[in-house]
């Protein structure tokens, strides 16, 4: 129950490999996946979690093995967060960068497509910020967190 069934080295390699795989996967998936989970996205996230759990623990269901795996992931996450806070390039690689969706009232349709957003998604974000149409916005930015920020045009509502 307490003693890992696999070596500590194997446990660490499995945890670290799983961590990096998921980081890359979710960076490729885009910001919308993180910031605006739909019911389908939630189901996918739960299934990914279960599949990765099996890959990361292998045949080891011991408490000690779980502690080693979780500890490795937490330490690795802390190290990456620390390094990213001191290196802008690494921060952009890990966290991503904002995407400009609207500039001076003009919608960048290519940016919407790249981020898997529809015009209705954009309009919903505008309404949440008290605007009705894109031409009322000075800018609309999709942040790396998935949050959409809106700047009003001068002289607008």
Protein backbone atom coordinates (compact mmCIF):
# COMPACT_ATOMS: atom_id res chain seq x y z
CA UNK A 1 0.00 0.00 0.00
CA UNK A 2 2.75 2.50 0.90
CA UNK A 3 5.71 1.11 -1.05
CA UNK A 4 5.88 1.98 -4.77
CA UNK A 5 5.69 -1.03 -7.08
CA UNK A 6 8.01 0.62 -9.64
CA UNK A 7 11.34 2.34 -9.12
CA UNK A 8 11.42 5.96 -8.01
CA UNK A 9 13.28 6.81 -11.24
CA UNK A 10 10.49 5.29 -13.38
CA UNK A 11 7.87 7.12 -11.33
CA UNK A 12 9.70 10.44 -11.83
CA UNK A 13 10.18 9.89 -15.58
CA UNK A 14 6.49 9.01 -16.03
CA UNK A 15 5.33 12.09 -14.08
CA UNK A 16 7.70 14.48 -15.84
CA UNK A 17 6.92 13.08 -19.31
CA UNK A 18 3.17 13.33 -18.63
CA UNK A 19 3.53 16.90 -17.36
CA UNK A 20 5.42 18.11 -20.43
CA UNK A 21 3.12 16.25 -22.81
CA UNK A 22 0.05 17.94 -21.32
CA UNK A 23 1.69 21.39 -21.32
CA UNK A 24 2.49 21.05 -25.03
CA UNK A 25 -0.94 19.60 -25.81
CA UNK A 26 -2.83 22.44 -24.11
CA UNK A 27 -0.58 25.11 -25.65
CA UNK A 28 -1.38 23.67 -29.09
CA UNK A 29 -5.10 23.45 -28.23
CA UNK A 30 -5.20 27.23 -27.79
CA UNK A 31 -6.38 29.77 -25.28
CA UNK A 32 -10.08 29.19 -25.78
CA UNK A 33 -9.77 25.66 -24.43
CA UNK A 34 -8.48 26.95 -21.14
CA UNK A 35 -10.66 30.02 -20.67
CA UNK A 36 -14.04 28.98 -22.03
CA UNK A 37 -14.80 25.35 -21.22
CA UNK A 38 -17.95 24.01 -22.80
CA UNK A 39 -19.58 20.76 -21.70
CA UNK A 40 -17.72 18.91 -24.47
CA UNK A 41 -14.41 20.51 -23.42
CA UNK A 42 -15.01 19.42 -19.83
CA UNK A 43 -15.67 15.82 -20.90
CA UNK A 44 -12.49 15.82 -22.98
CA UNK A 45 -10.51 17.24 -20.07
CA UNK A 46 -11.84 14.55 -17.73
CA UNK A 47 -11.02 11.78 -20.21
CA UNK A 48 -7.53 13.16 -20.84
CA UNK A 49 -6.98 13.28 -17.10
CA UNK A 50 -7.98 9.65 -16.67
CA UNK A 51 -5.92 8.40 -19.62
CA UNK A 52 -2.84 10.36 -18.49
CA UNK A 53 -3.27 9.12 -14.93
CA UNK A 54 -3.03 5.55 -16.19
CA UNK A 55 0.04 6.36 -18.27
CA UNK A 56 1.72 8.23 -15.42
CA UNK A 57 1.17 5.61 -12.72
CA UNK A 58 1.57 2.46 -14.80
CA UNK A 59 0.81 -0.58 -12.67
CA UNK A 60 1.68 1.27 -9.44
CA UNK A 61 -1.34 2.22 -7.33
CA UNK A 62 0.58 2.62 -4.07
CA UNK A 63 0.24 5.70 -1.88
CA UNK A 64 4.00 6.18 -1.91
CA UNK A 65 4.12 6.02 -5.70
CA UNK A 66 1.30 8.57 -5.92
CA UNK A 67 3.14 10.87 -3.53
CA UNK A 68 6.32 10.63 -5.60
CA UNK A 69 4.42 11.39 -8.81
CA UNK A 70 2.48 14.33 -7.39
CA UNK A 71 5.61 15.65 -5.69
CA UNK A 72 7.54 15.51 -8.96
CA UNK A 73 4.80 17.37 -10.83
CA UNK A 74 4.51 20.06 -8.15
CA UNK A 75 8.28 20.62 -7.96
CA UNK A 76 8.55 20.72 -11.75
CA UNK A 77 5.64 23.15 -11.99
CA UNK A 78 7.23 25.40 -9.36
CA UNK A 79 10.58 25.36 -11.17
CA UNK A 80 8.99 26.24 -14.50
CA UNK A 81 6.91 29.03 -12.93
CA UNK A 82 10.03 30.40 -11.24
CA UNK A 83 12.08 30.25 -14.45
CA UNK A 84 9.24 31.77 -16.53
CA UNK A 85 8.89 34.68 -14.08
CA UNK A 86 12.53 35.57 -14.82
CA UNK A 87 12.65 34.89 -18.55
CA UNK A 88 10.15 36.53 -20.95
CA UNK A 89 10.83 34.08 -23.78
CA UNK A 90 10.16 31.09 -21.58
CA UNK A 91 7.07 32.81 -20.17
CA UNK A 92 5.68 33.36 -23.69
CA UNK A 93 6.51 29.76 -24.60
CA UNK A 94 4.77 28.32 -21.53
CA UNK A 95 1.95 30.83 -21.00
CA UNK A 96 1.42 32.11 -24.54
CA UNK A 97 0.85 35.70 -25.61
CA UNK A 98 -2.29 37.79 -26.14
CA UNK A 99 -4.05 37.76 -29.51
CA UNK A 100 -5.51 40.96 -30.94
CA UNK A 101 -9.00 40.17 -32.27
CA UNK A 102 -10.26 43.70 -33.01
CA UNK A 103 -8.22 46.82 -33.75
CA UNK A 104 -9.96 50.18 -34.10
CA UNK A 105 -13.32 48.50 -34.67
CA UNK A 106 -12.05 46.12 -37.38
CA UNK A 107 -12.35 42.39 -36.69
CA UNK A 108 -9.32 40.24 -37.52
CA UNK A 109 -11.13 37.19 -38.93
CA UNK A 110 -7.87 35.24 -39.32
CA UNK A 111 -7.15 35.71 -35.60
CA UNK A 112 -10.66 34.51 -34.72
CA UNK A 113 -10.19 31.39 -36.84
CA UNK A 114 -6.73 30.74 -35.37
CA UNK A 115 -8.19 30.87 -31.86
CA UNK A 116 -11.29 28.82 -32.77
CA UNK A 117 -13.65 31.68 -31.91
CA UNK A 118 -16.80 32.63 -33.76
CA UNK A 119 -18.21 36.09 -34.36
CA UNK A 120 -20.89 35.18 -31.81
CA UNK A 121 -18.18 34.44 -29.21
CA UNK A 122 -16.73 37.88 -29.96
CA UNK A 123 -20.13 39.58 -29.74
CA UNK A 124 -20.83 37.85 -26.40
CA UNK A 125 -17.56 39.22 -25.02
CA UNK A 126 -18.46 42.69 -26.31
CA UNK A 127 -21.89 42.51 -24.64
CA UNK A 128 -20.26 41.48 -21.36
CA UNK A 129 -18.29 44.72 -21.63
CA UNK A 130 -21.26 46.93 -22.48
CA UNK A 131 -20.71 47.09 -26.25
CA UNK A 132 -22.95 45.75 -28.99
CA UNK A 133 -20.80 45.67 -32.12
CA UNK A 134 -17.08 45.34 -32.91
CA UNK A 135 -16.93 48.84 -34.47
CA UNK A 136 -17.55 50.24 -30.96
CA UNK A 137 -14.27 48.74 -29.67
CA UNK A 138 -10.82 50.29 -29.87
CA UNK A 139 -9.39 46.81 -29.28
CA UNK A 140 -10.46 43.34 -28.23
CA UNK A 141 -7.73 41.10 -26.88
CA UNK A 142 -7.80 37.37 -26.15
CA UNK A 143 -5.47 36.98 -23.17
CA UNK A 144 -3.29 33.91 -22.62
CA UNK A 145 -5.66 32.92 -19.81
CA UNK A 146 -8.59 32.74 -22.26
CA UNK A 147 -10.14 35.92 -20.85
CA UNK A 148 -11.21 38.55 -23.38
CA UNK A 149 -10.45 42.18 -22.62
CA UNK A 150 -12.14 45.06 -24.43
CA UNK A 151 -11.11 48.69 -24.84
CA UNK A 152 -13.77 51.21 -25.86
CA UNK A 153 -13.23 53.67 -28.65
CA UNK A 154 -13.06 57.30 -27.62
CA UNK A 155 -16.38 59.08 -27.88
CA UNK A 156 -18.21 55.74 -27.89
CA UNK A 157 -20.90 54.55 -25.48
